[in-house]
Amino acid sequence: MPSHLQIDHASIIDNDTARQVEFVGEVDGEEYEFAVRYSVLKELSGDEPEEDALELFERFGDQITDVCIEALAKRPAATVVVVDEDDLE
């Protein structure tokens, strides 16, 4: 399983239309695109993301990073690794 995710903070965007935070991250020397659904932010924070999705993403960054690594391990061939609330379990 991949061990460490380095997020490119300059790539983080709030795609409020798709209701997800998108970013590029590096794992074991390879770059991957990730999308963390708002439902993940809601599960972690207890609040529905509205204007503060990026703030919630930063606040729960350690947990999100761990979930992203697990999601990548499950779906290594995905073009974009989409992380949703099912990945929290």
PDB file of N, CA and C in Angstrom:
ATOM      1  N   MET A   1       0.844  -1.179   0.000  1.00  0.00           N
ATOM      2  CA  MET A   1       0.000   0.000   0.000  1.00  0.00           C
ATOM      3  C   MET A   1       0.888   1.240   0.000  1.00  0.00           C
ATOM      4  N   PRO A   2       0.473   2.282  -0.746  1.00  0.00           N
ATOM      5  CA  PRO A   2       1.237   3.533  -0.731  1.00  0.00           C
ATOM      6  C   PRO A   2       1.363   4.051   0.695  1.00  0.00           C
ATOM      7  N   SER A   3       2.453   4.742   0.952  1.00  0.00           N
ATOM      8  CA  SER A   3       2.718   5.125   2.336  1.00  0.00           C
ATOM      9  C   SER A   3       2.555   6.613   2.650  1.00  0.00           C
ATOM     10  N   HIS A   4       2.783   7.474   1.676  1.00  0.00           N
ATOM     11  CA  HIS A   4       2.776   8.908   1.978  1.00  0.00           C
ATOM     12  C   HIS A   4       2.216   9.691   0.787  1.00  0.00           C
ATOM     13  N   LEU A   5       1.324  10.610   1.086  1.00  0.00           N
ATOM     14  CA  LEU A   5       0.740  11.482   0.068  1.00  0.00           C
ATOM     15  C   LEU A   5       1.216  12.901   0.318  1.00  0.00           C
ATOM     16  N   GLN A   6       1.861  13.475  -0.678  1.00  0.00           N
ATOM     17  CA  GLN A   6       2.292  14.872  -0.620  1.00  0.00           C
ATOM     18  C   GLN A   6       1.363  15.680  -1.504  1.00  0.00           C
ATOM     19  N   ILE A   7       0.539  16.525  -0.886  1.00  0.00           N
ATOM     20  CA  ILE A   7      -0.431  17.327  -1.626  1.00  0.00           C
ATOM     21  C   ILE A   7       0.243  18.563  -2.204  1.00  0.00           C
ATOM     22  N   ASP A   8      -0.014  18.826  -3.480  1.00  0.00           N
ATOM     23  CA  ASP A   8       0.427  20.061  -4.122  1.00  0.00           C
ATOM     24  C   ASP A   8      -0.604  21.131  -3.760  1.00  0.00           C
ATOM     25  N   HIS A   9      -0.293  21.931  -2.747  1.00  0.00           N
ATOM     26  CA  HIS A   9      -1.259  22.903  -2.232  1.00  0.00           C
ATOM     27  C   HIS A   9      -1.664  23.947  -3.266  1.00  0.00           C
ATOM     28  N   ALA A  10      -0.814  24.201  -4.243  1.00  0.00           N
ATOM     29  CA  ALA A  10      -1.161  25.157  -5.297  1.00  0.00           C
ATOM     30  C   ALA A  10      -2.245  24.607  -6.222  1.00  0.00           C
ATOM     31  N   SER A  11      -2.452  23.298  -6.198  1.00  0.00           N
ATOM     32  CA  SER A  11      -3.431  22.676  -7.099  1.00  0.00           C
ATOM     33  C   SER A  11      -4.818  22.528  -6.470  1.00  0.00           C
ATOM     34  N   ILE A  12      -4.967  22.828  -5.199  1.00  0.00           N
ATOM     35  CA  ILE A  12      -6.243  22.606  -4.503  1.00  0.00           C
ATOM     36  C   ILE A  12      -7.289  23.608  -4.985  1.00  0.00           C
ATOM     37  N   ILE A  13      -8.419  23.061  -5.450  1.00  0.00           N
ATOM     38  CA  ILE A  13      -9.526  23.923  -5.866  1.00  0.00           C
ATOM     39  C   ILE A  13     -10.844  23.389  -5.302  1.00  0.00           C
ATOM     40  N   ASP A  14     -11.760  24.309  -5.062  1.00  0.00           N
ATOM     41  CA  ASP A  14     -13.097  23.961  -4.618  1.00  0.00           C
ATOM     42  C   ASP A  14     -13.995  23.952  -5.845  1.00  0.00           C
ATOM     43  N   ASN A  15     -14.385  22.759  -6.272  1.00  0.00           N
ATOM     44  CA  ASN A  15     -15.296  22.630  -7.406  1.00  0.00           C
ATOM     45  C   ASN A  15     -16.699  22.520  -6.826  1.00  0.00           C
ATOM     46  N   ASP A  16     -17.307  23.666  -6.541  1.00  0.00           N
ATOM     47  CA  ASP A  16     -18.608  23.649  -5.887  1.00  0.00           C
ATOM     48  C   ASP A  16     -19.715  23.127  -6.800  1.00  0.00           C
ATOM     49  N   THR A  17     -19.514  23.164  -8.099  1.00  0.00           N
ATOM     50  CA  THR A  17     -20.493  22.602  -9.028  1.00  0.00           C
ATOM     51  C   THR A  17     -20.567  21.082  -8.869  1.00  0.00           C
ATOM     52  N   ALA A  18     -19.399  20.444  -8.785  1.00  0.00           N
ATOM     53  CA  ALA A  18     -19.338  18.988  -8.603  1.00  0.00           C
ATOM     54  C   ALA A  18     -19.381  18.604  -7.118  1.00  0.00           C
ATOM     55  N   ARG A  19     -19.378  19.602  -6.234  1.00  0.00           N
ATOM     56  CA  ARG A  19     -19.413  19.404  -4.787  1.00  0.00           C
ATOM     57  C   ARG A  19     -18.246  18.524  -4.316  1.00  0.00           C
ATOM     58  N   GLN A  20     -17.033  18.976  -4.691  1.00  0.00           N
ATOM     59  CA  GLN A  20     -15.833  18.265  -4.287  1.00  0.00           C
ATOM     60  C   GLN A  20     -14.634  19.205  -4.302  1.00  0.00           C
ATOM     61  N   VAL A  21     -13.633  18.844  -3.505  1.00  0.00           N
ATOM     62  CA  VAL A  21     -12.362  19.553  -3.498  1.00  0.00           C
ATOM     63  C   VAL A  21     -11.389  18.702  -4.307  1.00  0.00           C
ATOM     64  N   GLU A  22     -10.751  19.320  -5.276  1.00  0.00           N
ATOM     65  CA  GLU A  22      -9.865  18.598  -6.188  1.00  0.00           C
ATOM     66  C   GLU A  22      -8.421  19.051  -5.975  1.00  0.00           C
ATOM     67  N   PHE A  23      -7.497  18.113  -6.153  1.00  0.00           N
ATOM     68  CA  PHE A  23      -6.083  18.445  -6.011  1.00  0.00           C
ATOM     69  C   PHE A  23      -5.221  17.379  -6.658  1.00  0.00           C
ATOM     70  N   VAL A  24      -3.949  17.718  -6.825  1.00  0.00           N
ATOM     71  CA  VAL A  24      -2.940  16.783  -7.316  1.00  0.00           C
ATOM     72  C   VAL A  24      -2.057  16.429  -6.138  1.00  0.00           C
ATOM     73  N   GLY A  25      -1.722  15.152  -6.042  1.00  0.00           N
ATOM     74  CA  GLY A  25      -0.843  14.704  -4.979  1.00  0.00           C
ATOM     75  C   GLY A  25       0.176  13.712  -5.507  1.00  0.00           C
ATOM     76  N   GLU A  26       1.284  13.623  -4.808  1.00  0.00           N
ATOM     77  CA  GLU A  26       2.349  12.701  -5.198  1.00  0.00           C
ATOM     78  C   GLU A  26       2.443  11.577  -4.179  1.00  0.00           C
ATOM     79  N   VAL A  27       2.437  10.361  -4.685  1.00  0.00           N
ATOM     80  CA  VAL A  27       2.581   9.171  -3.853  1.00  0.00           C
ATOM     81  C   VAL A  27       3.661   8.299  -4.477  1.00  0.00           C
ATOM     82  N   ASP A  28       4.675   7.994  -3.695  1.00  0.00           N
ATOM     83  CA  ASP A  28       5.777   7.144  -4.166  1.00  0.00           C
ATOM     84  C   ASP A  28       6.338   7.600  -5.513  1.00  0.00           C
ATOM     85  N   GLY A  29       6.482   8.926  -5.672  1.00  0.00           N
ATOM     86  CA  GLY A  29       7.093   9.488  -6.869  1.00  0.00           C
ATOM     87  C   GLY A  29       6.157   9.636  -8.058  1.00  0.00           C
ATOM     88  N   GLU A  30       4.915   9.223  -7.936  1.00  0.00           N
ATOM     89  CA  GLU A  30       3.941   9.321  -9.021  1.00  0.00           C
ATOM     90  C   GLU A  30       2.881  10.372  -8.666  1.00  0.00           C
ATOM     91  N   GLU A  31       2.455  11.147  -9.667  1.00  0.00           N
ATOM     92  CA  GLU A  31       1.403  12.135  -9.446  1.00  0.00           C
ATOM     93  C   GLU A  31       0.034  11.542  -9.752  1.00  0.00           C
ATOM     94  N   TYR A  32      -0.923  11.871  -8.906  1.00  0.00           N
ATOM     95  CA  TYR A  32      -2.306  11.419  -9.060  1.00  0.00           C
ATOM     96  C   TYR A  32      -3.241  12.598  -8.857  1.00  0.00           C
ATOM     97  N   GLU A  33      -4.388  12.533  -9.510  1.00  0.00           N
ATOM     98  CA  GLU A  33      -5.441  13.525  -9.290  1.00  0.00           C
ATOM     99  C   GLU A  33      -6.437  12.932  -8.310  1.00  0.00           C
ATOM    100  N   PHE A  34      -6.852  13.750  -7.354  1.00  0.00           N
ATOM    101  CA  PHE A  34      -7.814  13.332  -6.336  1.00  0.00           C
ATOM    102  C   PHE A  34      -8.995  14.280  -6.329  1.00  0.00           C
ATOM    103  N   ALA A  35     -10.147  13.759  -5.920  1.00  0.00           N
ATOM    104  CA  ALA A  35     -11.347  14.566  -5.708  1.00  0.00           C
ATOM    105  C   ALA A  35     -11.995  14.068  -4.423  1.00  0.00           C
ATOM    106  N   VAL A  36     -12.089  14.941  -3.446  1.00  0.00           N
ATOM    107  CA  VAL A  36     -12.704  14.598  -2.167  1.00  0.00           C
ATOM    108  C   VAL A  36     -14.101  15.204  -2.148  1.00  0.00           C
ATOM    109  N   ARG A  37     -15.100  14.342  -2.118  1.00  0.00           N
ATOM    110  CA  ARG A  37     -16.498  14.778  -2.139  1.00  0.00           C
ATOM    111  C   ARG A  37     -16.843  15.570  -0.882  1.00  0.00           C
ATOM    112  N   TYR A  38     -17.758  16.501  -1.032  1.00  0.00           N
ATOM    113  CA  TYR A  38     -18.236  17.274   0.115  1.00  0.00           C
ATOM    114  C   TYR A  38     -18.786  16.359   1.205  1.00  0.00           C
ATOM    115  N   SER A  39     -19.335  15.197   0.823  1.00  0.00           N
ATOM    116  CA  SER A  39     -19.894  14.279   1.817  1.00  0.00           C
ATOM    117  C   SER A  39     -18.824  13.808   2.801  1.00  0.00           C
ATOM    118  N   VAL A  40     -17.581  13.701   2.346  1.00  0.00           N
ATOM    119  CA  VAL A  40     -16.471  13.341   3.235  1.00  0.00           C
ATOM    120  C   VAL A  40     -16.223  14.474   4.232  1.00  0.00           C
ATOM    121  N   LEU A  41     -16.209  15.692   3.729  1.00  0.00           N
ATOM    122  CA  LEU A  41     -16.002  16.846   4.609  1.00  0.00           C
ATOM    123  C   LEU A  41     -17.123  16.944   5.641  1.00  0.00           C
ATOM    124  N   LYS A  42     -18.340  16.643   5.213  1.00  0.00           N
ATOM    125  CA  LYS A  42     -19.473  16.684   6.136  1.00  0.00           C
ATOM    126  C   LYS A  42     -19.335  15.610   7.213  1.00  0.00           C
ATOM    127  N   GLU A  43     -18.952  14.405   6.829  1.00  0.00           N
ATOM    128  CA  GLU A  43     -18.776  13.315   7.792  1.00  0.00           C
ATOM    129  C   GLU A  43     -17.687  13.653   8.815  1.00  0.00           C
ATOM    130  N   LEU A  44     -16.600  14.247   8.356  1.00  0.00           N
ATOM    131  CA  LEU A  44     -15.493  14.577   9.253  1.00  0.00           C
ATOM    132  C   LEU A  44     -15.816  15.752  10.175  1.00  0.00           C
ATOM    133  N   SER A  45     -16.525  16.750   9.646  1.00  0.00           N
ATOM    134  CA  SER A  45     -16.742  17.976  10.411  1.00  0.00           C
ATOM    135  C   SER A  45     -18.087  18.026  11.126  1.00  0.00           C
ATOM    136  N   GLY A  46     -19.060  17.276  10.605  1.00  0.00           N
ATOM    137  CA  GLY A  46     -20.405  17.358  11.155  1.00  0.00           C
ATOM    138  C   GLY A  46     -21.219  18.495  10.558  1.00  0.00           C
ATOM    139  N   ASP A  47     -20.606  19.287   9.677  1.00  0.00           N
ATOM    140  CA  ASP A  47     -21.281  20.420   9.053  1.00  0.00           C
ATOM    141  C   ASP A  47     -21.285  20.260   7.538  1.00  0.00           C
ATOM    142  N   GLU A  48     -22.358  20.728   6.923  1.00  0.00           N
ATOM    143  CA  GLU A  48     -22.451  20.735   5.466  1.00  0.00           C
ATOM    144  C   GLU A  48     -21.496  21.792   4.917  1.00  0.00           C
ATOM    145  N   PRO A  49     -20.557  21.408   4.021  1.00  0.00           N
ATOM    146  CA  PRO A  49     -19.664  22.401   3.430  1.00  0.00           C
ATOM    147  C   PRO A  49     -20.463  23.380   2.563  1.00  0.00           C
ATOM    148  N   GLU A  50     -20.205  24.638   2.762  1.00  0.00           N
ATOM    149  CA  GLU A  50     -20.858  25.646   1.939  1.00  0.00           C
ATOM    150  C   GLU A  50     -19.755  26.521   1.367  1.00  0.00           C
ATOM    151  N   GLU A  51     -19.548  27.654   1.958  1.00  0.00           N
ATOM    152  CA  GLU A  51     -18.486  28.553   1.516  1.00  0.00           C
ATOM    153  C   GLU A  51     -17.134  28.168   2.112  1.00  0.00           C
ATOM    154  N   ASP A  52     -17.110  27.153   2.974  1.00  0.00           N
ATOM    155  CA  ASP A  52     -15.897  26.834   3.735  1.00  0.00           C
ATOM    156  C   ASP A  52     -15.297  25.470   3.398  1.00  0.00           C
ATOM    157  N   ALA A  53     -15.541  24.948   2.206  1.00  0.00           N
ATOM    158  CA  ALA A  53     -15.032  23.620   1.852  1.00  0.00           C
ATOM    159  C   ALA A  53     -13.501  23.555   1.933  1.00  0.00           C
ATOM    160  N   LEU A  54     -12.819  24.576   1.452  1.00  0.00           N
ATOM    161  CA  LEU A  54     -11.351  24.561   1.498  1.00  0.00           C
ATOM    162  C   LEU A  54     -10.843  24.634   2.932  1.00  0.00           C
ATOM    163  N   GLU A  55     -11.525  25.413   3.759  1.00  0.00           N
ATOM    164  CA  GLU A  55     -11.152  25.498   5.169  1.00  0.00           C
ATOM    165  C   GLU A  55     -11.324  24.140   5.851  1.00  0.00           C
ATOM    166  N   LEU A  56     -12.431  23.468   5.584  1.00  0.00           N
ATOM    167  CA  LEU A  56     -12.652  22.136   6.153  1.00  0.00           C
ATOM    168  C   LEU A  56     -11.620  21.141   5.635  1.00  0.00           C
ATOM    169  N   PHE A  57     -11.295  21.236   4.350  1.00  0.00           N
ATOM    170  CA  PHE A  57     -10.279  20.373   3.755  1.00  0.00           C
ATOM    171  C   PHE A  57      -8.953  20.538   4.482  1.00  0.00           C
ATOM    172  N   GLU A  58      -8.559  21.765   4.745  1.00  0.00           N
ATOM    173  CA  GLU A  58      -7.300  22.034   5.456  1.00  0.00           C
ATOM    174  C   GLU A  58      -7.374  21.566   6.912  1.00  0.00           C
ATOM    175  N   ARG A  59      -8.494  21.822   7.572  1.00  0.00           N
ATOM    176  CA  ARG A  59      -8.644  21.471   8.987  1.00  0.00           C
ATOM    177  C   ARG A  59      -8.541  19.960   9.206  1.00  0.00           C
ATOM    178  N   PHE A  60      -9.100  19.187   8.293  1.00  0.00           N
ATOM    179  CA  PHE A  60      -9.100  17.734   8.433  1.00  0.00           C
ATOM    180  C   PHE A  60      -8.100  17.079   7.486  1.00  0.00           C
ATOM    181  N   GLY A  61      -7.059  17.813   7.148  1.00  0.00           N
ATOM    182  CA  GLY A  61      -6.061  17.359   6.172  1.00  0.00           C
ATOM    183  C   GLY A  61      -5.417  16.038   6.489  1.00  0.00           C
ATOM    184  N   ASP A  62      -5.078  15.783   7.757  1.00  0.00           N
ATOM    185  CA  ASP A  62      -4.425  14.513   8.108  1.00  0.00           C
ATOM    186  C   ASP A  62      -5.344  13.331   7.845  1.00  0.00           C
ATOM    187  N   GLN A  63      -6.601  13.449   8.265  1.00  0.00           N
ATOM    188  CA  GLN A  63      -7.558  12.364   8.037  1.00  0.00           C
ATOM    189  C   GLN A  63      -7.834  12.192   6.542  1.00  0.00           C
ATOM    190  N   ILE A  64      -7.956  13.292   5.834  1.00  0.00           N
ATOM    191  CA  ILE A  64      -8.219  13.236   4.399  1.00  0.00           C
ATOM    192  C   ILE A  64      -7.055  12.574   3.673  1.00  0.00           C
ATOM    193  N   THR A  65      -5.844  12.912   4.060  1.00  0.00           N
ATOM    194  CA  THR A  65      -4.667  12.304   3.445  1.00  0.00           C
ATOM    195  C   THR A  65      -4.691  10.789   3.632  1.00  0.00           C
ATOM    196  N   ASP A  66      -4.989  10.341   4.844  1.00  0.00           N
ATOM    197  CA  ASP A  66      -5.050   8.899   5.117  1.00  0.00           C
ATOM    198  C   ASP A  66      -6.114   8.214   4.261  1.00  0.00           C
ATOM    199  N   VAL A  67      -7.287   8.839   4.158  1.00  0.00           N
ATOM    200  CA  VAL A  67      -8.375   8.259   3.370  1.00  0.00           C
ATOM    201  C   VAL A  67      -8.004   8.227   1.886  1.00  0.00           C
ATOM    202  N   CYS A  68      -7.341   9.265   1.405  1.00  0.00           N
ATOM    203  CA  CYS A  68      -6.916   9.313   0.006  1.00  0.00           C
ATOM    204  C   CYS A  68      -5.927   8.192  -0.313  1.00  0.00           C
ATOM    205  N   ILE A  69      -5.004   7.937   0.597  1.00  0.00           N
ATOM    206  CA  ILE A  69      -4.037   6.856   0.392  1.00  0.00           C
ATOM    207  C   ILE A  69      -4.765   5.515   0.310  1.00  0.00           C
ATOM    208  N   GLU A  70      -5.724   5.296   1.198  1.00  0.00           N
ATOM    209  CA  GLU A  70      -6.496   4.050   1.180  1.00  0.00           C
ATOM    210  C   GLU A  70      -7.316   3.924  -0.105  1.00  0.00           C
ATOM    211  N   ALA A  71      -7.912   5.026  -0.548  1.00  0.00           N
ATOM    212  CA  ALA A  71      -8.708   5.008  -1.783  1.00  0.00           C
ATOM    213  C   ALA A  71      -7.822   4.719  -2.988  1.00  0.00           C
ATOM    214  N   LEU A  72      -6.637   5.285  -3.017  1.00  0.00           N
ATOM    215  CA  LEU A  72      -5.701   5.021  -4.105  1.00  0.00           C
ATOM    216  C   LEU A  72      -5.301   3.555  -4.126  1.00  0.00           C
ATOM    217  N   ALA A  73      -5.100   2.956  -2.964  1.00  0.00           N
ATOM    218  CA  ALA A  73      -4.743   1.540  -2.887  1.00  0.00           C
ATOM    219  C   ALA A  73      -5.874   0.666  -3.442  1.00  0.00           C
ATOM    220  N   LYS A  74      -7.117   1.083  -3.232  1.00  0.00           N
ATOM    221  CA  LYS A  74      -8.271   0.335  -3.740  1.00  0.00           C
ATOM    222  C   LYS A  74      -8.467   0.529  -5.241  1.00  0.00           C
ATOM    223  N   ARG A  75      -8.118   1.744  -5.734  1.00  0.00           N
ATOM    224  CA  ARG A  75      -8.378   2.089  -7.132  1.00  0.00           C
ATOM    225  C   ARG A  75      -7.131   2.683  -7.791  1.00  0.00           C
ATOM    226  N   PRO A  76      -6.051   1.899  -7.884  1.00  0.00           N
ATOM    227  CA  PRO A  76      -4.795   2.455  -8.399  1.00  0.00           C
ATOM    228  C   PRO A  76      -4.823   2.855  -9.872  1.00  0.00           C
ATOM    229  N   ALA A  77      -5.747   2.322 -10.653  1.00  0.00           N
ATOM    230  CA  ALA A  77      -5.792   2.631 -12.078  1.00  0.00           C
ATOM    231  C   ALA A  77      -6.744   3.779 -12.404  1.00  0.00           C
ATOM    232  N   ALA A  78      -7.384   4.356 -11.400  1.00  0.00           N
ATOM    233  CA  ALA A  78      -8.344   5.434 -11.643  1.00  0.00           C
ATOM    234  C   ALA A  78      -7.648   6.667 -12.221  1.00  0.00           C
ATOM    235  N   THR A  79      -8.301   7.299 -13.179  1.00  0.00           N
ATOM    236  CA  THR A  79      -7.780   8.542 -13.736  1.00  0.00           C
ATOM    237  C   THR A  79      -7.811   9.631 -12.674  1.00  0.00           C
ATOM    238  N   VAL A  80      -8.939   9.708 -11.963  1.00  0.00           N
ATOM    239  CA  VAL A  80      -9.093  10.602 -10.817  1.00  0.00           C
ATOM    240  C   VAL A  80      -9.568   9.729  -9.661  1.00  0.00           C
ATOM    241  N   VAL A  81      -8.842   9.785  -8.559  1.00  0.00           N
ATOM    242  CA  VAL A  81      -9.223   9.008  -7.385  1.00  0.00           C
ATOM    243  C   VAL A  81     -10.277   9.818  -6.636  1.00  0.00           C
ATOM    244  N   VAL A  82     -11.525   9.381  -6.761  1.00  0.00           N
ATOM    245  CA  VAL A  82     -12.637  10.068  -6.118  1.00  0.00           C
ATOM    246  C   VAL A  82     -12.847   9.439  -4.742  1.00  0.00           C
ATOM    247  N   VAL A  83     -12.818  10.292  -3.724  1.00  0.00           N
ATOM    248  CA  VAL A  83     -12.977   9.836  -2.340  1.00  0.00           C
ATOM    249  C   VAL A  83     -14.347  10.264  -1.866  1.00  0.00           C
ATOM    250  N   ASP A  84     -15.170   9.274  -1.463  1.00  0.00           N
ATOM    251  CA  ASP A  84     -16.493   9.603  -0.930  1.00  0.00           C
ATOM    252  C   ASP A  84     -16.656   9.011   0.465  1.00  0.00           C
ATOM    253  N   GLU A  85     -17.849   9.201   1.045  1.00  0.00           N
ATOM    254  CA  GLU A  85     -18.047   8.792   2.433  1.00  0.00           C
ATOM    255  C   GLU A  85     -17.871   7.293   2.648  1.00  0.00           C
ATOM    256  N   ASP A  86     -18.046   6.474   1.619  1.00  0.00           N
ATOM    257  CA  ASP A  86     -17.837   5.031   1.753  1.00  0.00           C
ATOM    258  C   ASP A  86     -16.378   4.705   2.050  1.00  0.00           C
ATOM    259  N   ASP A  87     -15.473   5.574   1.638  1.00  0.00           N
ATOM    260  CA  ASP A  87     -14.047   5.356   1.890  1.00  0.00           C
ATOM    261  C   ASP A  87     -13.657   5.632   3.334  1.00  0.00           C
ATOM    262  N   LEU A  88     -14.539   6.243   4.103  1.00  0.00           N
ATOM    263  CA  LEU A  88     -14.240   6.537   5.512  1.00  0.00           C
ATOM    264  C   LEU A  88     -14.380   5.301   6.385  1.00  0.00           C
ATOM    265  N   GLU A  89     -15.036   4.272   5.897  1.00  0.00           N
ATOM    266  CA  GLU A  89     -15.281   3.084   6.723  1.00  0.00           C
ATOM    267  C   GLU A  89     -14.189   2.059   6.601  1.00  0.00           C
TER     268      GLU A  89
END
